[in-house]
Amino acid sequence: MENVTVYSPVEDKQIKTNINQSPIWEKAYTEEEYQKSAKKHNTWFKYSLKFEGVVPIQVTKIQKFTSK
């Protein structure tokens, strides 16, 4: 399993029950993409996930923060 961090302006309080169909994937950013897009949204969520290949398996942490 690989640990991956995903940034999204979308909050999904139910992500642990339906990770693959979560609405965060519509606006999901890597660290590099987030750095370029940070000013597009005031509030962001940092999702720490475990992936098996390209499939998200588990959410390990969610952090809410505001962009600068």
N, C-alpha and C. Protein backbone atom coordinates (compact mmCIF):
# COMPACT_ATOMS: atom_id res chain seq x y z
N MET A 1 0.84 -1.19 0.00
CA MET A 1 0.00 0.00 0.00
C MET A 1 0.88 1.24 0.00
N GLU A 2 0.37 2.25 -0.65
CA GLU A 2 1.08 3.52 -0.77
C GLU A 2 0.26 4.62 -0.10
N ASN A 3 0.94 5.46 0.70
CA ASN A 3 0.29 6.62 1.32
C ASN A 3 0.28 7.77 0.33
N VAL A 4 -0.88 8.37 0.12
CA VAL A 4 -1.05 9.46 -0.83
C VAL A 4 -1.83 10.59 -0.18
N THR A 5 -1.42 11.82 -0.46
CA THR A 5 -2.14 12.98 0.04
C THR A 5 -2.88 13.62 -1.13
N VAL A 6 -4.16 13.89 -0.91
CA VAL A 6 -5.01 14.50 -1.94
C VAL A 6 -5.62 15.76 -1.34
N TYR A 7 -5.59 16.85 -2.10
CA TYR A 7 -6.18 18.12 -1.68
C TYR A 7 -7.46 18.34 -2.47
N SER A 8 -8.49 18.83 -1.77
CA SER A 8 -9.76 19.09 -2.44
C SER A 8 -10.51 20.20 -1.70
N PRO A 9 -11.21 21.06 -2.44
CA PRO A 9 -12.06 22.06 -1.79
C PRO A 9 -13.39 21.45 -1.34
N VAL A 10 -13.59 20.19 -1.63
CA VAL A 10 -14.84 19.50 -1.32
C VAL A 10 -14.71 18.74 0.00
N GLU A 11 -15.65 18.98 0.90
CA GLU A 11 -15.68 18.24 2.15
C GLU A 11 -16.62 17.06 2.00
N ASP A 12 -16.14 15.89 2.36
CA ASP A 12 -16.98 14.69 2.32
C ASP A 12 -16.90 14.01 3.68
N LYS A 13 -17.91 14.22 4.49
CA LYS A 13 -17.95 13.62 5.83
C LYS A 13 -18.24 12.13 5.78
N GLN A 14 -18.68 11.63 4.65
CA GLN A 14 -19.03 10.22 4.49
C GLN A 14 -17.99 9.45 3.68
N ILE A 15 -16.82 10.02 3.45
CA ILE A 15 -15.83 9.40 2.58
C ILE A 15 -15.41 8.01 3.04
N LYS A 16 -15.40 7.78 4.33
CA LYS A 16 -14.97 6.47 4.84
C LYS A 16 -15.93 5.35 4.47
N THR A 17 -17.17 5.68 4.19
CA THR A 17 -18.15 4.65 3.83
C THR A 17 -18.26 4.42 2.33
N ASN A 18 -17.78 5.36 1.52
CA ASN A 18 -17.88 5.21 0.07
C ASN A 18 -16.72 5.94 -0.61
N ILE A 19 -15.53 5.51 -0.33
CA ILE A 19 -14.33 6.20 -0.76
C ILE A 19 -14.21 6.33 -2.28
N ASN A 20 -14.57 5.30 -3.01
CA ASN A 20 -14.41 5.33 -4.47
C ASN A 20 -15.39 6.26 -5.17
N GLN A 21 -16.56 6.46 -4.59
CA GLN A 21 -17.58 7.31 -5.20
C GLN A 21 -17.65 8.70 -4.55
N SER A 22 -16.67 9.05 -3.77
CA SER A 22 -16.67 10.32 -3.05
C SER A 22 -16.66 11.50 -4.03
N PRO A 23 -17.37 12.58 -3.70
CA PRO A 23 -17.36 13.77 -4.55
C PRO A 23 -16.02 14.51 -4.55
N ILE A 24 -15.10 14.16 -3.66
CA ILE A 24 -13.79 14.84 -3.67
C ILE A 24 -13.04 14.58 -4.96
N TRP A 25 -13.30 13.46 -5.60
CA TRP A 25 -12.56 13.10 -6.81
C TRP A 25 -12.87 14.02 -7.99
N GLU A 26 -14.00 14.74 -7.94
CA GLU A 26 -14.32 15.69 -9.01
C GLU A 26 -13.36 16.87 -9.02
N LYS A 27 -12.86 17.23 -7.83
CA LYS A 27 -11.90 18.33 -7.69
C LYS A 27 -10.78 17.89 -6.77
N ALA A 28 -10.03 16.89 -7.18
CA ALA A 28 -8.92 16.37 -6.40
C ALA A 28 -7.60 16.85 -7.01
N TYR A 29 -6.69 17.28 -6.14
CA TYR A 29 -5.42 17.84 -6.58
C TYR A 29 -4.26 17.15 -5.87
N THR A 30 -3.16 16.97 -6.58
CA THR A 30 -1.91 16.52 -5.96
C THR A 30 -1.29 17.73 -5.26
N GLU A 31 -0.22 17.51 -4.52
CA GLU A 31 0.47 18.61 -3.83
C GLU A 31 0.89 19.70 -4.82
N GLU A 32 1.46 19.30 -5.92
CA GLU A 32 1.92 20.26 -6.94
C GLU A 32 0.75 21.03 -7.56
N GLU A 33 -0.30 20.34 -7.89
CA GLU A 33 -1.48 20.98 -8.47
C GLU A 33 -2.14 21.92 -7.45
N TYR A 34 -2.15 21.51 -6.18
CA TYR A 34 -2.71 22.35 -5.14
C TYR A 34 -1.94 23.67 -5.04
N GLN A 35 -0.63 23.61 -5.08
CA GLN A 35 0.19 24.82 -4.98
C GLN A 35 -0.17 25.83 -6.08
N LYS A 36 -0.50 25.35 -7.25
CA LYS A 36 -0.87 26.22 -8.37
C LYS A 36 -2.31 26.71 -8.27
N SER A 37 -3.16 25.96 -7.57
CA SER A 37 -4.60 26.26 -7.52
C SER A 37 -5.07 26.76 -6.16
N ALA A 38 -4.20 26.96 -5.22
CA ALA A 38 -4.58 27.28 -3.83
C ALA A 38 -5.49 28.50 -3.73
N LYS A 39 -5.29 29.47 -4.58
CA LYS A 39 -6.07 30.71 -4.49
C LYS A 39 -7.47 30.59 -5.09
N LYS A 40 -7.77 29.48 -5.73
CA LYS A 40 -9.09 29.30 -6.35
C LYS A 40 -10.19 29.12 -5.30
N HIS A 41 -9.83 28.61 -4.12
CA HIS A 41 -10.80 28.33 -3.07
C HIS A 41 -10.25 28.80 -1.73
N ASN A 42 -11.12 29.27 -0.86
CA ASN A 42 -10.68 29.72 0.46
C ASN A 42 -10.45 28.56 1.42
N THR A 43 -11.31 27.56 1.37
CA THR A 43 -11.23 26.42 2.28
C THR A 43 -10.82 25.17 1.52
N TRP A 44 -9.89 24.43 2.12
CA TRP A 44 -9.38 23.21 1.52
C TRP A 44 -9.43 22.07 2.53
N PHE A 45 -9.41 20.86 2.00
CA PHE A 45 -9.35 19.66 2.83
C PHE A 45 -8.19 18.81 2.33
N LYS A 46 -7.38 18.38 3.27
CA LYS A 46 -6.23 17.53 2.96
C LYS A 46 -6.59 16.11 3.41
N TYR A 47 -6.73 15.22 2.44
CA TYR A 47 -7.10 13.84 2.70
C TYR A 47 -5.85 12.96 2.60
N SER A 48 -5.54 12.27 3.67
CA SER A 48 -4.45 11.29 3.66
C SER A 48 -5.09 9.93 3.43
N LEU A 49 -4.65 9.28 2.37
CA LEU A 49 -5.28 8.03 1.95
C LEU A 49 -4.23 6.94 1.73
N LYS A 50 -4.69 5.71 1.82
CA LYS A 50 -3.86 4.57 1.45
C LYS A 50 -4.42 4.00 0.15
N PHE A 51 -3.53 3.82 -0.80
CA PHE A 51 -3.90 3.28 -2.11
C PHE A 51 -3.26 1.92 -2.30
N GLU A 52 -3.98 1.05 -2.97
CA GLU A 52 -3.42 -0.20 -3.44
C GLU A 52 -3.45 -0.12 -4.96
N GLY A 53 -2.31 0.15 -5.54
CA GLY A 53 -2.25 0.45 -6.97
C GLY A 53 -2.90 1.80 -7.21
N VAL A 54 -3.94 1.84 -8.03
CA VAL A 54 -4.66 3.09 -8.30
C VAL A 54 -6.00 3.16 -7.58
N VAL A 55 -6.23 2.21 -6.68
CA VAL A 55 -7.51 2.13 -5.98
C VAL A 55 -7.35 2.65 -4.54
N PRO A 56 -8.14 3.68 -4.16
CA PRO A 56 -8.08 4.13 -2.77
C PRO A 56 -8.74 3.10 -1.86
N ILE A 57 -8.02 2.74 -0.78
CA ILE A 57 -8.48 1.68 0.12
C ILE A 57 -8.95 2.22 1.45
N GLN A 58 -8.23 3.23 1.99
CA GLN A 58 -8.52 3.68 3.35
C GLN A 58 -8.19 5.16 3.51
N VAL A 59 -9.04 5.88 4.26
CA VAL A 59 -8.77 7.27 4.64
C VAL A 59 -8.14 7.22 6.03
N THR A 60 -6.96 7.82 6.17
CA THR A 60 -6.29 7.78 7.47
C THR A 60 -6.38 9.10 8.22
N LYS A 61 -6.58 10.21 7.49
CA LYS A 61 -6.65 11.50 8.16
C LYS A 61 -7.30 12.53 7.24
N ILE A 62 -8.05 13.46 7.85
CA ILE A 62 -8.65 14.58 7.10
C ILE A 62 -8.34 15.86 7.88
N GLN A 63 -7.81 16.85 7.17
CA GLN A 63 -7.51 18.14 7.78
C GLN A 63 -8.19 19.24 6.99
N LYS A 64 -8.82 20.17 7.69
CA LYS A 64 -9.43 21.32 7.05
C LYS A 64 -8.51 22.52 7.28
N PHE A 65 -8.30 23.33 6.24
CA PHE A 65 -7.48 24.54 6.38
C PHE A 65 -7.89 25.58 5.36
N THR A 66 -7.42 26.78 5.54
CA THR A 66 -7.71 27.87 4.60
C THR A 66 -6.46 28.19 3.81
N SER A 67 -6.66 28.59 2.57
CA SER A 67 -5.51 28.95 1.73
C SER A 67 -5.06 30.36 2.08
N LYS A 68 -3.84 30.65 1.75
CA LYS A 68 -3.25 31.95 2.09
C LYS A 68 -3.54 32.98 1.03
